Amino acid sequence: MKKVFLAVLLVLAAVAAAQAAQTVRLGVTGSVYDDMWAPAKALLAKEGIELEVVQFTDYVTPNRALDDGDIDLNGFQHQIYFKDELDNRGYKLTNIANTFVVPLNLYSVKIRGVDEIKDGDVIAIPNDPTNGGRAIKVLAGAGLIKLREGAGFNPTKDDIAEYVVKITIEELAANMIPSALPDITAGIINDTYALDYGLKAEDAVFKDTSLDQREYWNLLAARTADLADPAKVELYGKVVKAYQSPETRNLLEKELQGGFFLPVGWDEDLLAPFKK
């Protein structure tokens, strides 16, 4: 009996150790996410879950890594970029939570406002289709260009009907625009790259006004196949709950570049259809 009892204890200990060793690998782009996910990481640790934040240097690799199973989740992109990736690359991924929305602002180290932009000036925008389209709308909102009637939600340079100011629009990789600022007049820069370069929301020479558009809400993504596993749905639900916590909200609104990252859509349970 003692041997049986000991064997049971060993099995229970092994199960407990396996549960304690649960690890979730989360792909992100930019050091700001280390701070952003710190409250969730601490909350999850109390439940025996290790959240490992995996850094990527571009916007292309994290979805590929998730689809390949190299990471468990990623949280770096807005909905329109995510949809474009699924449509064009065939990834089988699912949005499991809303995280935040951020402006796509215009920055410069040479001017203080768009009224200083003149003919011949170079403005850089991201060269990926979704952020590029949003950037084109930012330029239109700033009064630098006018879009043709009937331009779609995600316009391109071909949709520009008029250059109110005869600027040159240069398309660059999003992560290269901050370092290009000394050589151009201004650039539209994604949030994480702006922060990594030391820029703040209040430094913008023109602020994005499209924050109410759901397509620009950021999200947390998982492999669709994983959502057929109740254990993973439960685990990912804990990650979502830990992120969408008062601790994270306080960080976003008061400590982490207040006004740059805005919590949004936290009242929606996107995992509900997968819970059994």
Protein backbone atom coordinates (compact mmCIF):
# COMPACT_ATOMS: atom_id res chain seq x y z
CA MET A 1 0.00 0.00 0.00
CA LYS A 2 2.87 2.33 0.79
CA LYS A 3 4.26 1.79 -2.70
CA VAL A 4 0.86 2.52 -4.28
CA PHE A 5 0.47 5.62 -2.15
CA LEU A 6 3.96 6.79 -3.12
CA ALA A 7 3.22 6.20 -6.81
CA VAL A 8 0.03 8.25 -6.56
CA LEU A 9 1.95 11.07 -4.90
CA LEU A 10 4.55 10.99 -7.64
CA VAL A 11 1.85 11.18 -10.32
CA LEU A 12 0.12 14.07 -8.58
CA ALA A 13 3.45 15.85 -8.20
CA ALA A 14 4.19 15.38 -11.90
CA VAL A 15 0.76 16.75 -12.84
CA ALA A 16 1.23 19.73 -10.53
CA ALA A 17 4.66 20.41 -11.99
CA ALA A 18 3.30 20.25 -15.53
CA GLN A 19 0.55 22.70 -14.62
CA ALA A 20 3.02 25.00 -12.89
CA ALA A 21 5.26 24.92 -15.95
CA GLN A 22 2.58 26.19 -18.37
CA THR A 23 4.16 28.69 -20.73
CA VAL A 24 2.49 30.95 -23.28
CA ARG A 25 4.75 32.51 -25.92
CA LEU A 26 3.44 35.88 -27.08
CA GLY A 27 4.85 37.53 -30.21
CA VAL A 28 5.11 41.35 -30.26
CA THR A 29 6.97 44.11 -32.11
CA GLY A 30 8.60 46.74 -29.94
CA SER A 31 9.99 47.08 -26.42
CA VAL A 32 6.90 48.95 -25.23
CA TYR A 33 5.06 45.62 -25.15
CA ASP A 34 7.37 44.38 -22.40
CA ASP A 35 5.98 47.15 -20.20
CA MET A 36 2.43 46.83 -21.52
CA TRP A 37 2.21 43.13 -20.70
CA ALA A 38 4.02 43.36 -17.35
CA PRO A 39 0.81 43.53 -15.25
CA ALA A 40 -0.69 40.54 -17.08
CA LYS A 41 2.56 38.63 -16.72
CA ALA A 42 2.52 39.18 -12.95
CA LEU A 43 -1.14 38.16 -12.65
CA LEU A 44 -0.60 35.01 -14.73
CA ALA A 45 2.46 34.03 -12.70
CA LYS A 46 0.21 33.79 -9.64
CA GLU A 47 -1.75 31.12 -11.52
CA GLY A 48 1.37 29.18 -12.46
CA ILE A 49 1.42 30.47 -16.05
CA GLU A 50 4.59 31.93 -17.51
CA LEU A 51 3.98 34.55 -20.18
CA GLU A 52 7.05 34.76 -22.42
CA VAL A 53 7.11 37.91 -24.54
CA VAL A 54 8.91 37.20 -27.83
CA GLN A 55 10.16 40.24 -29.72
CA PHE A 56 10.07 40.55 -33.52
CA THR A 57 11.60 43.40 -35.52
CA ASP A 58 9.00 43.64 -38.28
CA TYR A 59 5.27 43.20 -38.92
CA VAL A 60 5.58 40.25 -41.30
CA THR A 61 7.22 37.59 -39.14
CA PRO A 62 4.86 37.40 -36.10
CA ASN A 63 1.89 36.02 -38.06
CA ARG A 64 4.10 33.54 -39.88
CA ALA A 65 5.61 32.43 -36.58
CA LEU A 66 2.14 32.01 -35.07
CA ASP A 67 0.86 30.06 -38.05
CA ASP A 68 3.96 27.83 -37.91
CA GLY A 69 3.47 27.14 -34.20
CA ASP A 70 6.67 28.87 -33.09
CA ILE A 71 4.63 31.06 -30.72
CA ASP A 72 1.20 30.60 -29.11
CA LEU A 73 -0.29 34.07 -29.51
CA ASN A 74 0.64 37.41 -31.00
CA GLY A 75 -0.49 40.91 -30.14
CA PHE A 76 0.95 43.60 -32.39
CA GLN A 77 -1.50 44.40 -35.21
CA HIS A 78 -4.80 46.08 -35.93
CA GLN A 79 -7.77 44.35 -37.51
CA ILE A 80 -7.36 45.59 -41.07
CA TYR A 81 -3.72 44.48 -41.21
CA PHE A 82 -4.73 41.12 -39.71
CA LYS A 83 -7.44 40.62 -42.34
CA ASP A 84 -5.01 41.49 -45.11
CA GLU A 85 -2.53 38.92 -43.80
CA LEU A 86 -5.18 36.20 -43.66
CA ASP A 87 -6.49 37.03 -47.13
CA ASN A 88 -3.10 37.21 -48.83
CA ARG A 89 -1.05 34.63 -46.95
CA GLY A 90 -3.67 32.03 -46.10
CA TYR A 91 -2.92 31.93 -42.39
CA LYS A 92 -5.45 30.11 -40.21
CA LEU A 93 -5.54 32.55 -37.30
CA THR A 94 -8.35 34.00 -35.19
CA ASN A 95 -8.80 37.24 -33.27
CA ILE A 96 -9.48 36.23 -29.65
CA ALA A 97 -9.50 39.65 -27.94
CA ASN A 98 -9.43 43.40 -28.49
CA THR A 99 -6.46 45.14 -26.88
CA PHE A 100 -6.07 48.85 -27.68
CA VAL A 101 -6.23 51.48 -30.38
CA VAL A 102 -3.45 53.94 -31.16
CA PRO A 103 -3.12 56.91 -33.45
CA LEU A 104 -0.97 56.80 -36.58
CA ASN A 105 0.59 60.22 -36.22
CA LEU A 106 2.77 62.45 -38.38
CA TYR A 107 6.16 63.27 -36.82
CA SER A 108 9.05 65.52 -37.75
CA VAL A 109 12.35 66.77 -36.40
CA LYS A 110 12.33 69.73 -38.80
CA ILE A 111 8.88 71.33 -38.54
CA ARG A 112 6.35 71.98 -35.79
CA GLY A 113 3.13 71.82 -37.77
CA VAL A 114 1.66 70.81 -41.13
CA ASP A 115 1.33 74.47 -42.09
CA GLU A 116 5.12 74.50 -42.48
CA ILE A 117 5.09 71.75 -45.13
CA LYS A 118 5.79 73.17 -48.57
CA ASP A 119 6.01 72.03 -52.18
CA GLY A 120 8.80 69.52 -52.74
CA ASP A 121 8.92 68.27 -49.17
CA VAL A 122 9.22 64.51 -48.63
CA ILE A 123 6.74 62.70 -46.41
CA ALA A 124 7.38 59.05 -45.57
CA ILE A 125 4.56 56.56 -45.01
CA PRO A 126 4.63 52.81 -44.17
CA ASN A 127 4.96 50.62 -47.25
CA ASP A 128 2.65 47.83 -46.08
CA PRO A 129 -0.80 48.10 -47.69
CA THR A 130 -2.96 48.56 -44.59
CA ASN A 131 -0.83 51.04 -42.64
CA GLY A 132 -0.02 52.75 -45.92
CA GLY A 133 -3.72 53.21 -46.65
CA ARG A 134 -4.33 54.59 -43.19
CA ALA A 135 -1.39 56.95 -43.64
CA ILE A 136 -2.82 58.24 -46.91
CA LYS A 137 -6.02 59.12 -45.03
CA VAL A 138 -3.96 60.89 -42.36
CA LEU A 139 -2.37 63.05 -45.07
CA ALA A 140 -5.84 63.82 -46.41
CA GLY A 141 -7.02 64.68 -42.91
CA ALA A 142 -4.07 67.03 -42.56
CA GLY A 143 -5.16 68.84 -45.73
CA LEU A 144 -2.05 67.96 -47.70
CA ILE A 145 -3.90 65.89 -50.34
CA LYS A 146 -7.43 65.23 -51.53
CA LEU A 147 -8.70 61.73 -52.30
CA ARG A 148 -10.77 60.94 -55.35
CA GLU A 149 -14.48 60.41 -54.87
CA GLY A 150 -15.19 56.73 -54.27
CA ALA A 151 -11.77 55.92 -52.83
CA GLY A 152 -12.03 52.77 -50.71
CA PHE A 153 -11.43 52.30 -47.02
CA ASN A 154 -7.78 51.52 -47.66
CA PRO A 155 -6.65 54.01 -50.35
CA THR A 156 -3.33 54.05 -52.20
CA LYS A 157 -1.38 56.84 -53.86
CA ASP A 158 -3.40 56.13 -57.01
CA ASP A 159 -6.48 57.37 -55.14
CA ILE A 160 -5.02 60.84 -54.66
CA ALA A 161 -7.04 63.28 -56.76
CA GLU A 162 -5.07 66.38 -55.84
CA TYR A 163 -1.86 67.32 -54.08
CA VAL A 164 -2.92 70.45 -52.19
CA VAL A 165 0.73 70.78 -51.27
CA LYS A 166 3.00 69.22 -53.88
CA ILE A 167 4.72 66.81 -51.53
CA THR A 168 6.62 63.66 -52.46
CA ILE A 169 5.25 60.59 -50.68
CA GLU A 170 7.99 58.06 -50.03
CA GLU A 171 6.98 54.54 -49.00
CA LEU A 172 9.39 52.94 -46.51
CA ALA A 173 9.36 49.93 -44.22
CA ALA A 174 7.54 51.05 -41.07
CA ASN A 175 10.50 50.32 -38.79
CA MET A 176 12.81 52.47 -40.96
CA ILE A 177 10.80 55.70 -40.88
CA PRO A 178 11.94 56.96 -37.43
CA SER A 179 15.62 56.78 -38.37
CA ALA A 180 14.81 58.50 -41.70
CA LEU A 181 13.34 61.61 -40.03
CA PRO A 182 16.58 63.65 -40.26
CA ASP A 183 16.59 63.15 -44.04
CA ILE A 184 12.90 63.86 -44.77
CA THR A 185 10.43 66.55 -43.83
CA ALA A 186 8.09 64.31 -41.84
CA GLY A 187 6.97 60.72 -41.51
CA ILE A 188 3.93 58.80 -40.40
CA ILE A 189 5.13 56.39 -37.74
CA ASN A 190 3.52 53.40 -36.08
CA ASP A 191 3.15 53.54 -32.31
CA THR A 192 5.78 51.05 -31.19
CA TYR A 193 8.44 52.36 -33.54
CA ALA A 194 7.70 55.93 -32.45
CA LEU A 195 8.17 54.97 -28.81
CA ASP A 196 11.32 52.96 -29.49
CA TYR A 197 12.75 56.04 -31.19
CA GLY A 198 11.90 58.19 -28.16
CA LEU A 199 8.94 60.01 -29.70
CA LYS A 200 5.82 60.79 -27.69
CA ALA A 201 2.22 61.32 -28.77
CA GLU A 202 2.47 65.02 -27.96
CA ASP A 203 5.45 65.33 -30.34
CA ALA A 204 3.23 64.73 -33.37
CA VAL A 205 2.88 67.58 -35.85
CA PHE A 206 -0.51 66.13 -36.82
CA LYS A 207 -2.59 63.60 -34.89
CA ASP A 208 -4.63 60.80 -36.43
CA THR A 209 -8.39 61.23 -36.07
CA SER A 210 -9.52 57.71 -37.08
CA LEU A 211 -9.52 56.10 -33.62
CA ASP A 212 -13.25 55.33 -33.67
CA GLN A 213 -12.87 53.02 -36.67
CA ARG A 214 -12.96 49.44 -35.45
CA GLU A 215 -10.67 48.29 -38.25
CA TYR A 216 -7.81 50.07 -36.48
CA TRP A 217 -8.35 48.36 -33.14
CA ASN A 218 -5.44 46.14 -32.15
CA LEU A 219 -6.00 42.51 -31.30
CA LEU A 220 -4.69 39.32 -29.77
CA ALA A 221 -4.46 36.42 -32.24
CA ALA A 222 -4.28 32.64 -31.85
CA ARG A 223 -4.08 29.68 -34.22
CA THR A 224 -7.61 28.72 -35.21
CA ALA A 225 -6.84 25.02 -34.75
CA ASP A 226 -5.83 25.60 -31.13
CA LEU A 227 -9.30 26.91 -30.35
CA ALA A 228 -10.71 23.39 -30.82
CA ASP A 229 -8.81 22.40 -27.66
CA PRO A 230 -10.83 23.35 -24.53
CA ALA A 231 -7.66 23.41 -22.43
CA LYS A 232 -6.04 25.99 -24.69
CA VAL A 233 -9.22 28.05 -24.85
CA GLU A 234 -9.24 28.11 -21.05
CA LEU A 235 -5.54 29.02 -20.95
CA TYR A 236 -5.88 31.78 -23.54
CA GLY A 237 -8.95 33.06 -21.70
CA LYS A 238 -6.78 33.54 -18.63
CA VAL A 239 -4.28 35.50 -20.73
CA VAL A 240 -7.06 37.74 -22.07
CA LYS A 241 -8.47 38.30 -18.58
CA ALA A 242 -5.04 39.15 -17.20
CA TYR A 243 -4.46 41.66 -20.00
CA GLN A 244 -7.93 43.22 -19.80
CA SER A 245 -7.44 43.94 -16.10
CA PRO A 246 -7.65 47.13 -14.02
CA GLU A 247 -3.87 46.94 -13.64
CA THR A 248 -3.34 47.06 -17.41
CA ARG A 249 -5.96 49.79 -17.86
CA ASN A 250 -4.24 51.95 -15.27
CA LEU A 251 -0.90 51.41 -17.00
CA LEU A 252 -2.25 52.31 -20.44
CA GLU A 253 -4.20 55.37 -19.36
CA LYS A 254 -1.89 56.86 -16.74
CA GLU A 255 1.64 55.52 -16.97
CA LEU A 256 2.47 54.20 -20.44
CA GLN A 257 2.41 57.31 -22.62
CA GLY A 258 -1.08 58.32 -21.51
CA GLY A 259 -3.29 58.97 -24.53
CA PHE A 260 -1.09 56.92 -26.86
CA PHE A 261 -2.59 53.49 -26.13
CA LEU A 262 -6.32 53.49 -25.47
CA PRO A 263 -8.13 50.39 -24.15
CA VAL A 264 -10.96 49.45 -26.48
CA GLY A 265 -13.48 46.63 -26.92
CA TRP A 266 -12.75 44.96 -23.59
CA ASP A 267 -16.46 44.33 -23.04
CA GLU A 268 -16.51 41.83 -25.92
CA ASP A 269 -15.82 38.15 -25.21
CA LEU A 270 -14.40 36.96 -28.54
CA LEU A 271 -13.57 33.54 -27.08
CA ALA A 272 -17.21 32.83 -26.20
CA PRO A 273 -17.92 30.81 -29.38
CA PHE A 274 -15.07 28.44 -28.55
CA LYS A 275 -15.94 27.77 -24.91
CA LYS A 276 -17.57 24.43 -24.12
